C-alpha atoms as a PDB file:
ATOM      1  CA  MET A   1      -2.301  12.138  -9.997  1.00  0.00           C
ATOM      2  CA  ALA A   2       0.636  10.101 -11.192  1.00  0.00           C
ATOM      3  CA  ILE A   3       1.650   6.518 -11.722  1.00  0.00           C
ATOM      4  CA  LEU A   4       4.559   5.808  -9.403  1.00  0.00           C
ATOM      5  CA  GLU A   5       7.590   3.636 -10.123  1.00  0.00           C
ATOM      6  CA  MET A   6       7.190   0.157  -8.662  1.00  0.00           C
ATOM      7  CA  ARG A   7      10.051  -1.204  -6.566  1.00  0.00           C
ATOM      8  CA  LEU A   8      10.891  -4.859  -7.128  1.00  0.00           C
ATOM      9  CA  LEU A   9      13.173  -7.287  -5.311  1.00  0.00           C
ATOM     10  CA  PRO A  10      16.048  -7.026  -4.617  1.00  0.00           C
ATOM     11  CA  ASP A  11      15.392  -3.292  -4.012  1.00  0.00           C
ATOM     12  CA  PRO A  12      16.494  -2.782  -0.366  1.00  0.00           C
ATOM     13  CA  ILE A  13      13.617  -0.387   0.425  1.00  0.00           C
ATOM     14  CA  LEU A  14      11.289  -3.398   0.398  1.00  0.00           C
ATOM     15  CA  ARG A  15      13.121  -4.812   3.440  1.00  0.00           C
ATOM     16  CA  ARG A  16      13.385  -1.585   5.429  1.00  0.00           C
ATOM     17  CA  LYS A  17      11.201  -0.743   8.414  1.00  0.00           C
ATOM     18  CA  THR A  18       8.457   1.763   7.678  1.00  0.00           C
ATOM     19  CA  ASN A  19       7.633   4.814   9.789  1.00  0.00           C
ATOM     20  CA  LYS A  20       4.350   5.663  11.479  1.00  0.00           C
ATOM     21  CA  VAL A  21       2.374   8.497   9.972  1.00  0.00           C
ATOM     22  CA  ALA A  22       2.094  11.312  12.514  1.00  0.00           C
ATOM     23  CA  LYS A  23      -0.154  13.672  10.569  1.00  0.00           C
ATOM     24  CA  ILE A  24      -2.411  13.569   7.510  1.00  0.00           C
ATOM     25  CA  THR A  25      -0.832  16.134   5.188  1.00  0.00           C
ATOM     26  CA  PRO A  26      -1.634  17.223   1.644  1.00  0.00           C
ATOM     27  CA  GLN A  27       1.486  15.314   0.553  1.00  0.00           C
ATOM     28  CA  LEU A  28       0.154  12.122   2.177  1.00  0.00           C
ATOM     29  CA  LYS A  29      -3.197  12.574   0.456  1.00  0.00           C
ATOM     30  CA  THR A  30      -1.388  12.951  -2.882  1.00  0.00           C
ATOM     31  CA  LEU A  31       0.677   9.818  -2.154  1.00  0.00           C
ATOM     32  CA  VAL A  32      -2.497   7.834  -1.424  1.00  0.00           C
ATOM     33  CA  LYS A  33      -4.177   9.007  -4.649  1.00  0.00           C
ATOM     34  CA  ASP A  34      -1.047   8.161  -6.629  1.00  0.00           C
ATOM     35  CA  MET A  35      -0.817   4.742  -4.949  1.00  0.00           C
ATOM     36  CA  ILE A  36      -4.421   3.954  -5.925  1.00  0.00           C
ATOM     37  CA  GLU A  37      -3.749   5.004  -9.506  1.00  0.00           C
ATOM     38  CA  THR A  38      -0.541   2.939  -9.570  1.00  0.00           C
ATOM     39  CA  MET A  39      -2.293  -0.116  -8.088  1.00  0.00           C
ATOM     40  CA  ARG A  40      -5.002   0.071 -10.746  1.00  0.00           C
ATOM     41  CA  ASP A  41      -2.422   0.545 -13.506  1.00  0.00           C
ATOM     42  CA  GLN A  42      -0.668  -2.639 -12.342  1.00  0.00           C
ATOM     43  CA  PHE A  43      -4.005  -4.551 -12.051  1.00  0.00           C
ATOM     44  CA  GLY A  44      -3.344  -5.115  -8.348  1.00  0.00           C
ATOM     45  CA  VAL A  45      -5.682  -5.396  -5.389  1.00  0.00           C
ATOM     46  CA  GLY A  46      -3.304  -3.941  -2.819  1.00  0.00           C
ATOM     47  CA  LEU A  47      -0.198  -1.809  -2.573  1.00  0.00           C
ATOM     48  CA  ALA A  48       2.047  -0.777   0.313  1.00  0.00           C
ATOM     49  CA  ALA A  49       3.865   2.559   0.296  1.00  0.00           C
ATOM     50  CA  ASN A  50       7.308   0.969   0.342  1.00  0.00           C
ATOM     51  CA  GLN A  51       6.457  -0.719  -2.980  1.00  0.00           C
ATOM     52  CA  VAL A  52       6.532   2.753  -4.526  1.00  0.00           C
ATOM     53  CA  GLY A  53       9.544   4.001  -2.555  1.00  0.00           C
ATOM     54  CA  SER A  54       7.933   5.641   0.496  1.00  0.00           C
ATOM     55  CA  LEU A  55       8.801   4.457   3.996  1.00  0.00           C
ATOM     56  CA  GLN A  56       5.444   5.477   5.493  1.00  0.00           C
ATOM     57  CA  LYS A  57       3.051   2.967   7.070  1.00  0.00           C
ATOM     58  CA  VAL A  58       0.395   3.286   4.387  1.00  0.00           C
ATOM     59  CA  ALA A  59      -1.360   0.711   2.227  1.00  0.00           C
ATOM     60  CA  VAL A  60      -4.280   0.749  -0.183  1.00  0.00           C
ATOM     61  CA  VAL A  61      -6.618  -2.150  -1.007  1.00  0.00           C
ATOM     62  CA  GLU A  62      -9.317  -2.453  -3.652  1.00  0.00           C
ATOM     63  CA  THR A  63     -11.492  -5.489  -4.292  1.00  0.00           C
ATOM     64  CA  PRO A  64     -14.758  -5.878  -6.202  1.00  0.00           C
ATOM     65  CA  GLU A  65     -16.646  -6.080  -2.890  1.00  0.00           C
ATOM     66  CA  LEU A  66     -15.537  -2.590  -1.851  1.00  0.00           C
ATOM     67  CA  GLU A  67     -17.367   0.478  -3.119  1.00  0.00           C
ATOM     68  CA  GLU A  68     -14.163   2.521  -2.955  1.00  0.00           C
ATOM     69  CA  PRO A  69     -10.518   1.741  -2.159  1.00  0.00           C
ATOM     70  CA  LEU A  70      -9.633   1.050   1.461  1.00  0.00           C
ATOM     71  CA  VAL A  71      -6.799   3.262   2.754  1.00  0.00           C
ATOM     72  CA  LEU A  72      -4.851   1.892   5.720  1.00  0.00           C
ATOM     73  CA  ILE A  73      -2.692   4.303   7.709  1.00  0.00           C
ATOM     74  CA  ASN A  74      -0.504   2.844  10.468  1.00  0.00           C
ATOM     75  CA  PRO A  75      -2.171  -0.590  10.190  1.00  0.00           C
ATOM     76  CA  GLU A  76      -1.447  -3.146  12.915  1.00  0.00           C
ATOM     77  CA  ILE A  77      -2.266  -6.839  13.063  1.00  0.00           C
ATOM     78  CA  MET A  78      -4.043  -7.232  16.389  1.00  0.00           C
ATOM     79  CA  LYS A  79      -5.052 -10.874  16.159  1.00  0.00           C
ATOM     80  CA  THR A  80      -4.580 -13.758  13.776  1.00  0.00           C
ATOM     81  CA  GLU A  81      -6.549 -16.943  13.502  1.00  0.00           C
ATOM     82  CA  GLY A  82      -6.166 -19.958  11.259  1.00  0.00           C
ATOM     83  CA  GLU A  83      -4.347 -20.207   7.973  1.00  0.00           C
ATOM     84  CA  ARG A  84      -5.202 -19.992   4.328  1.00  0.00           C
ATOM     85  CA  GLU A  85      -3.268 -20.380   1.149  1.00  0.00           C
ATOM     86  CA  VAL A  86      -3.673 -17.852  -1.625  1.00  0.00           C
ATOM     87  CA  VAL A  87      -2.059 -17.248  -4.967  1.00  0.00           C
ATOM     88  CA  GLU A  88      -0.500 -13.791  -5.124  1.00  0.00           C
ATOM     89  CA  GLY A  89      -0.952 -11.814  -8.334  1.00  0.00           C
END
């Protein structure tokens, strides 16, 4: 596993459209493991693939309530309800 380089604004990759994942490959599994390690290294609770330079629709989330990190592949928002204000880390 490896800690990946974080992309910060104004890096243009953060504004680009991501691509759907068509197949779970060994390379994707490695990316996910590296994203989890990178997220933990940065003391984050979530990380999207474009934040580490990959244009795949992948995100990882880890909170104290979860037993293990949640891996989201091709996530879609199906419904929204209400609003809430949060402070981002």
